[in-house]
Amino acid sequence: FWEDPGLSMPEDVEAAIRNHAVASYPRQCCGALLGPRRGVVERVVRLDTTSDASPRFFVSADDYRQAEARASGSGQTVLGFYYSHADRPATPTHSDAEQVWPDLSYVIVSARNGRAEQLRSWRVQADRRAFEEERITRTEV
């Protein structure tokens, strides 16, 4: 039995995610998690996936291709995505399960009253019926 090691990210990457959530509040922010291998985030790329018509994040196939292109140029891969929940906990919702792909990490940050609060990571099960929380380890830059 092999235990998933979770997700590791430098403190400056976590700060970038939190800052994006604050700047986007009350709309949801969204971005890609990039790194050399599963579970090791080295940087993030902001994606503009919300609009005035739809304040929820949605990663289209074009957004995914854009993130892959940015990652492959630096020898990295897309490990998953991050997004914010405005005035809600950092836990996935039923509608989130419709927007995600298995085998990727999804970091959610709770933004309340314009401040970034709790930050947690999740992976959806293959059948998309439930999310499992992923441990986050902060690394120094």
N, C-alpha and C. Protein backbone atom coordinates (compact mmCIF):
# COMPACT_ATOMS: atom_id res chain seq x y z
N PHE A 1 0.86 -1.18 0.00
CA PHE A 1 0.00 0.00 0.00
C PHE A 1 0.89 1.23 0.00
N TRP A 2 0.67 2.10 -0.99
CA TRP A 2 1.45 3.32 -1.12
C TRP A 2 0.59 4.51 -0.74
N GLU A 3 1.07 5.34 0.15
CA GLU A 3 0.31 6.51 0.57
C GLU A 3 0.69 7.70 -0.29
N ASP A 4 -0.31 8.41 -0.80
CA ASP A 4 -0.09 9.61 -1.60
C ASP A 4 0.64 10.64 -0.73
N PRO A 5 1.77 11.18 -1.21
CA PRO A 5 2.54 12.11 -0.40
C PRO A 5 1.89 13.49 -0.27
N GLY A 6 0.82 13.75 -1.02
CA GLY A 6 0.16 15.04 -0.94
C GLY A 6 0.77 16.04 -1.92
N LEU A 7 0.70 17.28 -1.54
CA LEU A 7 1.13 18.38 -2.41
C LEU A 7 2.11 19.24 -1.64
N SER A 8 3.25 19.53 -2.24
CA SER A 8 4.19 20.45 -1.61
C SER A 8 4.30 21.70 -2.47
N MET A 9 4.40 22.84 -1.80
CA MET A 9 4.53 24.10 -2.52
C MET A 9 5.32 25.10 -1.69
N PRO A 10 6.12 25.92 -2.36
CA PRO A 10 6.86 26.95 -1.64
C PRO A 10 5.91 28.00 -1.05
N GLU A 11 6.35 28.65 -0.01
CA GLU A 11 5.53 29.67 0.64
C GLU A 11 5.16 30.80 -0.31
N ASP A 12 6.06 31.16 -1.25
CA ASP A 12 5.74 32.25 -2.17
C ASP A 12 4.65 31.85 -3.17
N VAL A 13 4.54 30.56 -3.49
CA VAL A 13 3.47 30.08 -4.36
C VAL A 13 2.14 30.18 -3.62
N GLU A 14 2.13 29.76 -2.36
CA GLU A 14 0.90 29.89 -1.57
C GLU A 14 0.50 31.36 -1.47
N ALA A 15 1.47 32.24 -1.26
CA ALA A 15 1.18 33.68 -1.18
C ALA A 15 0.59 34.20 -2.49
N ALA A 16 1.10 33.72 -3.62
CA ALA A 16 0.57 34.14 -4.93
C ALA A 16 -0.89 33.71 -5.09
N ILE A 17 -1.22 32.51 -4.65
CA ILE A 17 -2.61 32.03 -4.73
C ILE A 17 -3.50 32.89 -3.85
N ARG A 18 -3.06 33.14 -2.63
CA ARG A 18 -3.86 33.96 -1.70
C ARG A 18 -4.05 35.37 -2.25
N ASN A 19 -2.99 35.96 -2.80
CA ASN A 19 -3.07 37.32 -3.36
C ASN A 19 -4.04 37.37 -4.54
N HIS A 20 -4.05 36.34 -5.37
CA HIS A 20 -4.97 36.28 -6.50
C HIS A 20 -6.42 36.22 -6.00
N ALA A 21 -6.66 35.44 -4.95
CA ALA A 21 -8.01 35.34 -4.38
C ALA A 21 -8.49 36.69 -3.86
N VAL A 22 -7.61 37.42 -3.19
CA VAL A 22 -7.96 38.74 -2.65
C VAL A 22 -8.22 39.72 -3.80
N ALA A 23 -7.38 39.71 -4.81
CA ALA A 23 -7.54 40.64 -5.93
C ALA A 23 -8.82 40.37 -6.72
N SER A 24 -9.27 39.13 -6.76
CA SER A 24 -10.46 38.76 -7.53
C SER A 24 -11.76 38.89 -6.74
N TYR A 25 -11.66 38.96 -5.44
CA TYR A 25 -12.85 38.98 -4.58
C TYR A 25 -13.80 40.10 -5.00
N PRO A 26 -15.11 39.86 -5.10
CA PRO A 26 -15.87 38.69 -4.69
C PRO A 26 -16.01 37.62 -5.79
N ARG A 27 -15.39 37.82 -6.94
CA ARG A 27 -15.42 36.79 -7.97
C ARG A 27 -14.41 35.70 -7.62
N GLN A 28 -14.56 34.54 -8.23
CA GLN A 28 -13.61 33.46 -8.02
C GLN A 28 -12.38 33.70 -8.89
N CYS A 29 -11.22 33.43 -8.34
CA CYS A 29 -10.00 33.44 -9.13
C CYS A 29 -9.74 32.01 -9.59
N CYS A 30 -8.84 31.85 -10.54
CA CYS A 30 -8.47 30.52 -10.99
C CYS A 30 -7.07 30.59 -11.60
N GLY A 31 -6.31 29.53 -11.43
CA GLY A 31 -4.99 29.45 -12.02
C GLY A 31 -4.52 28.01 -12.07
N ALA A 32 -3.43 27.81 -12.77
CA ALA A 32 -2.86 26.47 -12.94
C ALA A 32 -1.70 26.27 -11.97
N LEU A 33 -1.59 25.04 -11.46
CA LEU A 33 -0.47 24.63 -10.61
C LEU A 33 0.54 23.92 -11.51
N LEU A 34 1.77 24.41 -11.55
CA LEU A 34 2.79 23.84 -12.43
C LEU A 34 3.95 23.30 -11.61
N GLY A 35 4.52 22.19 -12.09
CA GLY A 35 5.67 21.61 -11.42
C GLY A 35 6.27 20.49 -12.23
N PRO A 36 7.39 19.94 -11.77
CA PRO A 36 8.12 18.93 -12.52
C PRO A 36 7.50 17.54 -12.45
N ARG A 37 6.74 17.27 -11.38
CA ARG A 37 6.14 15.94 -11.20
C ARG A 37 4.99 16.05 -10.22
N ARG A 38 4.17 15.02 -10.20
CA ARG A 38 2.99 15.01 -9.35
C ARG A 38 3.33 15.35 -7.91
N GLY A 39 2.56 16.27 -7.37
CA GLY A 39 2.70 16.61 -5.96
C GLY A 39 3.71 17.69 -5.64
N VAL A 40 4.47 18.17 -6.64
CA VAL A 40 5.51 19.18 -6.38
C VAL A 40 5.22 20.44 -7.20
N VAL A 41 4.57 21.42 -6.57
CA VAL A 41 4.23 22.67 -7.23
C VAL A 41 5.42 23.62 -7.13
N GLU A 42 5.84 24.16 -8.26
CA GLU A 42 6.94 25.12 -8.28
C GLU A 42 6.46 26.54 -8.59
N ARG A 43 5.36 26.65 -9.35
CA ARG A 43 4.84 27.98 -9.66
C ARG A 43 3.38 27.86 -10.10
N VAL A 44 2.74 29.01 -10.18
CA VAL A 44 1.35 29.07 -10.63
C VAL A 44 1.24 30.05 -11.79
N VAL A 45 0.23 29.84 -12.61
CA VAL A 45 -0.08 30.74 -13.71
C VAL A 45 -1.53 31.15 -13.56
N ARG A 46 -1.78 32.44 -13.50
CA ARG A 46 -3.15 32.93 -13.40
C ARG A 46 -3.90 32.68 -14.70
N LEU A 47 -5.15 32.27 -14.57
CA LEU A 47 -6.03 32.11 -15.72
C LEU A 47 -7.24 33.02 -15.51
N ASP A 48 -7.69 33.65 -16.58
CA ASP A 48 -8.87 34.52 -16.51
C ASP A 48 -10.07 33.69 -16.95
N THR A 49 -10.70 32.99 -16.00
CA THR A 49 -11.75 32.04 -16.36
C THR A 49 -13.14 32.48 -15.91
N THR A 50 -13.24 33.66 -15.31
CA THR A 50 -14.55 34.15 -14.88
C THR A 50 -14.89 35.40 -15.67
N SER A 51 -16.15 35.76 -15.68
CA SER A 51 -16.61 36.97 -16.35
C SER A 51 -17.70 37.61 -15.51
N ASP A 52 -18.15 38.78 -15.93
CA ASP A 52 -19.25 39.41 -15.21
C ASP A 52 -20.51 38.56 -15.29
N ALA A 53 -20.67 37.85 -16.41
CA ALA A 53 -21.85 37.00 -16.60
C ALA A 53 -21.78 35.74 -15.73
N SER A 54 -20.56 35.24 -15.49
CA SER A 54 -20.40 34.03 -14.69
C SER A 54 -19.21 34.20 -13.75
N PRO A 55 -19.46 34.53 -12.48
CA PRO A 55 -18.36 34.75 -11.55
C PRO A 55 -17.68 33.47 -11.06
N ARG A 56 -18.18 32.28 -11.49
CA ARG A 56 -17.58 31.01 -11.09
C ARG A 56 -16.45 30.65 -12.04
N PHE A 57 -15.46 29.92 -11.54
CA PHE A 57 -14.37 29.49 -12.39
C PHE A 57 -14.84 28.38 -13.33
N PHE A 58 -14.24 28.35 -14.50
CA PHE A 58 -14.47 27.27 -15.45
C PHE A 58 -13.21 27.17 -16.30
N VAL A 59 -12.55 26.01 -16.27
CA VAL A 59 -11.33 25.81 -17.06
C VAL A 59 -11.74 25.13 -18.36
N SER A 60 -11.65 25.88 -19.46
CA SER A 60 -11.99 25.34 -20.77
C SER A 60 -10.81 24.55 -21.33
N ALA A 61 -11.06 23.85 -22.41
CA ALA A 61 -9.98 23.12 -23.08
C ALA A 61 -8.90 24.08 -23.53
N ASP A 62 -9.28 25.29 -23.98
CA ASP A 62 -8.28 26.30 -24.39
C ASP A 62 -7.45 26.77 -23.20
N ASP A 63 -8.10 26.96 -22.05
CA ASP A 63 -7.37 27.35 -20.84
C ASP A 63 -6.35 26.27 -20.48
N TYR A 64 -6.78 25.01 -20.57
CA TYR A 64 -5.89 23.89 -20.24
C TYR A 64 -4.70 23.86 -21.20
N ARG A 65 -4.98 24.05 -22.48
CA ARG A 65 -3.88 24.06 -23.48
C ARG A 65 -2.91 25.21 -23.22
N GLN A 66 -3.44 26.36 -22.86
CA GLN A 66 -2.60 27.51 -22.55
C GLN A 66 -1.69 27.20 -21.36
N ALA A 67 -2.27 26.60 -20.32
CA ALA A 67 -1.48 26.25 -19.14
C ALA A 67 -0.41 25.21 -19.49
N GLU A 68 -0.76 24.20 -20.30
CA GLU A 68 0.21 23.19 -20.74
C GLU A 68 1.34 23.82 -21.53
N ALA A 69 1.03 24.76 -22.39
CA ALA A 69 2.07 25.43 -23.19
C ALA A 69 3.03 26.21 -22.29
N ARG A 70 2.49 26.91 -21.29
CA ARG A 70 3.34 27.66 -20.37
C ARG A 70 4.21 26.72 -19.54
N ALA A 71 3.65 25.57 -19.18
CA ALA A 71 4.40 24.60 -18.37
C ALA A 71 5.50 23.93 -19.18
N SER A 72 5.16 23.47 -20.38
CA SER A 72 6.14 22.71 -21.17
C SER A 72 7.32 23.58 -21.58
N GLY A 73 7.12 24.88 -21.70
CA GLY A 73 8.23 25.78 -22.03
C GLY A 73 9.28 25.84 -20.94
N SER A 74 8.93 25.41 -19.73
CA SER A 74 9.88 25.44 -18.63
C SER A 74 10.15 24.04 -18.06
N GLY A 75 9.80 23.01 -18.83
CA GLY A 75 10.06 21.65 -18.39
C GLY A 75 9.14 21.18 -17.28
N GLN A 76 7.99 21.81 -17.16
CA GLN A 76 7.03 21.44 -16.12
C GLN A 76 5.79 20.84 -16.76
N THR A 77 4.83 20.49 -15.92
CA THR A 77 3.55 19.97 -16.38
C THR A 77 2.45 20.58 -15.53
N VAL A 78 1.22 20.49 -16.00
CA VAL A 78 0.08 20.96 -15.22
C VAL A 78 -0.27 19.89 -14.19
N LEU A 79 -0.20 20.26 -12.92
CA LEU A 79 -0.47 19.34 -11.82
C LEU A 79 -1.91 19.47 -11.33
N GLY A 80 -2.54 20.57 -11.70
CA GLY A 80 -3.89 20.83 -11.26
C GLY A 80 -4.19 22.31 -11.36
N PHE A 81 -5.18 22.73 -10.60
CA PHE A 81 -5.63 24.12 -10.64
C PHE A 81 -5.94 24.61 -9.24
N TYR A 82 -5.94 25.93 -9.09
CA TYR A 82 -6.38 26.53 -7.84
C TYR A 82 -7.53 27.48 -8.16
N TYR A 83 -8.38 27.69 -7.17
CA TYR A 83 -9.46 28.66 -7.32
C TYR A 83 -9.92 29.09 -5.94
N SER A 84 -10.72 30.13 -5.91
CA SER A 84 -11.19 30.65 -4.63
C SER A 84 -12.69 30.44 -4.49
N HIS A 85 -13.12 30.39 -3.24
CA HIS A 85 -14.54 30.40 -2.90
C HIS A 85 -14.78 31.70 -2.14
N ALA A 86 -15.61 32.56 -2.69
CA ALA A 86 -15.92 33.83 -2.03
C ALA A 86 -16.93 33.59 -0.91
N ASP A 87 -16.53 33.95 0.29
CA ASP A 87 -17.39 33.87 1.47
C ASP A 87 -17.93 32.46 1.71
N ARG A 88 -17.12 31.47 1.37
CA ARG A 88 -17.48 30.05 1.58
C ARG A 88 -16.24 29.32 2.07
N PRO A 89 -16.42 28.16 2.68
CA PRO A 89 -15.26 27.38 3.14
C PRO A 89 -14.41 26.88 1.95
N ALA A 90 -13.21 26.48 2.24
CA ALA A 90 -12.28 25.95 1.22
C ALA A 90 -12.52 24.46 1.00
N THR A 91 -13.78 24.13 0.76
CA THR A 91 -14.17 22.74 0.50
C THR A 91 -14.92 22.69 -0.83
N PRO A 92 -14.77 21.61 -1.58
CA PRO A 92 -15.43 21.50 -2.88
C PRO A 92 -16.95 21.42 -2.74
N THR A 93 -17.63 21.94 -3.74
CA THR A 93 -19.08 21.87 -3.80
C THR A 93 -19.48 20.84 -4.85
N HIS A 94 -20.75 20.52 -4.90
CA HIS A 94 -21.25 19.58 -5.91
C HIS A 94 -20.95 20.10 -7.32
N SER A 95 -21.13 21.39 -7.54
CA SER A 95 -20.86 21.94 -8.88
C SER A 95 -19.37 21.91 -9.21
N ASP A 96 -18.50 21.95 -8.20
CA ASP A 96 -17.06 21.84 -8.45
C ASP A 96 -16.74 20.48 -9.08
N ALA A 97 -17.42 19.43 -8.63
CA ALA A 97 -17.15 18.08 -9.14
C ALA A 97 -17.42 17.98 -10.64
N GLU A 98 -18.29 18.83 -11.15
CA GLU A 98 -18.61 18.82 -12.57
C GLU A 98 -17.54 19.53 -13.39
N GLN A 99 -16.66 20.29 -12.73
CA GLN A 99 -15.67 21.12 -13.42
C GLN A 99 -14.25 20.54 -13.40
N VAL A 100 -14.04 19.43 -12.71
CA VAL A 100 -12.68 18.96 -12.46
C VAL A 100 -12.38 17.63 -13.15
N TRP A 101 -11.07 17.33 -13.26
CA TRP A 101 -10.60 16.09 -13.86
C TRP A 101 -9.93 15.24 -12.78
N PRO A 102 -10.13 13.92 -12.81
CA PRO A 102 -9.39 13.05 -11.89
C PRO A 102 -7.88 13.15 -12.16
N ASP A 103 -7.10 12.76 -11.19
CA ASP A 103 -5.63 12.75 -11.26
C ASP A 103 -4.99 14.14 -11.22
N LEU A 104 -5.76 15.17 -10.93
CA LEU A 104 -5.21 16.51 -10.77
C LEU A 104 -5.52 17.00 -9.36
N SER A 105 -4.70 17.92 -8.88
CA SER A 105 -4.92 18.54 -7.57
C SER A 105 -5.72 19.82 -7.77
N TYR A 106 -6.59 20.11 -6.80
CA TYR A 106 -7.39 21.33 -6.82
C TYR A 106 -7.24 22.02 -5.47
N VAL A 107 -6.55 23.15 -5.50
CA VAL A 107 -6.34 23.93 -4.29
C VAL A 107 -7.44 24.98 -4.23
N ILE A 108 -8.13 25.01 -3.10
CA ILE A 108 -9.21 25.98 -2.90
C ILE A 108 -8.81 26.90 -1.75
N VAL A 109 -8.96 28.21 -1.96
CA VAL A 109 -8.71 29.17 -0.89
C VAL A 109 -10.04 29.87 -0.58
N SER A 110 -10.35 29.97 0.69
CA SER A 110 -11.55 30.67 1.13
C SER A 110 -11.22 32.15 1.23
N ALA A 111 -11.97 32.97 0.49
CA ALA A 111 -11.81 34.43 0.56
C ALA A 111 -13.06 35.00 1.23
N ARG A 112 -12.86 35.62 2.36
CA ARG A 112 -13.99 36.19 3.11
C ARG A 112 -13.73 37.67 3.38
N ASN A 113 -14.72 38.47 3.02
CA ASN A 113 -14.62 39.92 3.24
C ASN A 113 -13.32 40.48 2.66
N GLY A 114 -12.91 39.96 1.51
CA GLY A 114 -11.72 40.48 0.85
C GLY A 114 -10.41 40.01 1.44
N ARG A 115 -10.45 38.99 2.31
CA ARG A 115 -9.22 38.45 2.89
C ARG A 115 -9.13 36.97 2.58
N ALA A 116 -7.94 36.50 2.27
CA ALA A 116 -7.72 35.07 2.02
C ALA A 116 -7.57 34.38 3.36
N GLU A 117 -8.34 33.32 3.56
CA GLU A 117 -8.28 32.58 4.81
C GLU A 117 -7.76 31.17 4.56
N GLN A 118 -8.55 30.18 4.86
CA GLN A 118 -8.13 28.77 4.76
C GLN A 118 -7.79 28.37 3.33
N LEU A 119 -6.72 27.57 3.18
CA LEU A 119 -6.29 27.05 1.89
C LEU A 119 -6.12 25.55 2.03
N ARG A 120 -6.83 24.78 1.17
CA ARG A 120 -6.79 23.32 1.25
C ARG A 120 -6.69 22.74 -0.15
N SER A 121 -6.20 21.51 -0.26
CA SER A 121 -6.06 20.85 -1.56
C SER A 121 -6.90 19.58 -1.59
N TRP A 122 -7.45 19.29 -2.78
CA TRP A 122 -8.36 18.17 -2.97
C TRP A 122 -8.07 17.45 -4.27
N ARG A 123 -8.42 16.17 -4.32
CA ARG A 123 -8.38 15.38 -5.54
C ARG A 123 -9.74 14.70 -5.66
N VAL A 124 -10.29 14.67 -6.87
CA VAL A 124 -11.58 14.03 -7.07
C VAL A 124 -11.34 12.56 -7.37
N GLN A 125 -12.22 11.72 -6.86
CA GLN A 125 -12.12 10.29 -7.14
C GLN A 125 -12.42 10.05 -8.62
N ALA A 126 -11.97 8.94 -9.15
CA ALA A 126 -12.12 8.63 -10.58
C ALA A 126 -13.58 8.69 -11.02
N ASP A 127 -14.50 8.29 -10.16
CA ASP A 127 -15.92 8.31 -10.54
C ASP A 127 -16.57 9.68 -10.29
N ARG A 128 -15.80 10.65 -9.81
CA ARG A 128 -16.24 12.01 -9.53
C ARG A 128 -17.34 12.10 -8.47
N ARG A 129 -17.50 11.06 -7.69
CA ARG A 129 -18.55 11.07 -6.67
C ARG A 129 -18.13 11.80 -5.40
N ALA A 130 -16.83 11.86 -5.15
CA ALA A 130 -16.37 12.50 -3.92
C ALA A 130 -14.95 13.02 -4.09
N PHE A 131 -14.62 13.98 -3.26
CA PHE A 131 -13.27 14.53 -3.20
C PHE A 131 -12.57 13.94 -1.99
N GLU A 132 -11.25 13.82 -2.09
CA GLU A 132 -10.43 13.42 -0.96
C GLU A 132 -9.44 14.55 -0.70
N GLU A 133 -9.31 14.92 0.58
CA GLU A 133 -8.38 16.00 0.90
C GLU A 133 -6.95 15.51 0.75
N GLU A 134 -6.13 16.40 0.28
CA GLU A 134 -4.71 16.13 0.03
C GLU A 134 -3.90 17.00 1.00
N ARG A 135 -2.96 16.39 1.68
CA ARG A 135 -2.11 17.14 2.62
C ARG A 135 -1.22 18.13 1.86
N ILE A 136 -1.10 19.34 2.38
CA ILE A 136 -0.22 20.35 1.79
C ILE A 136 0.98 20.55 2.71
N THR A 137 2.16 20.45 2.12
CA THR A 137 3.40 20.72 2.84
C THR A 137 3.99 22.00 2.26
N ARG A 138 4.27 22.98 3.14
CA ARG A 138 4.87 24.23 2.68
C ARG A 138 6.38 24.07 2.71
N THR A 139 7.01 24.49 1.64
CA THR A 139 8.47 24.44 1.57
C THR A 139 9.00 25.87 1.51
N GLU A 140 10.21 26.05 1.93
CA GLU A 140 10.83 27.38 1.84
C GLU A 140 11.38 27.58 0.46
N VAL A 141 11.45 28.84 0.05
CA VAL A 141 11.93 29.18 -1.29
C VAL A 141 13.41 28.90 -1.42
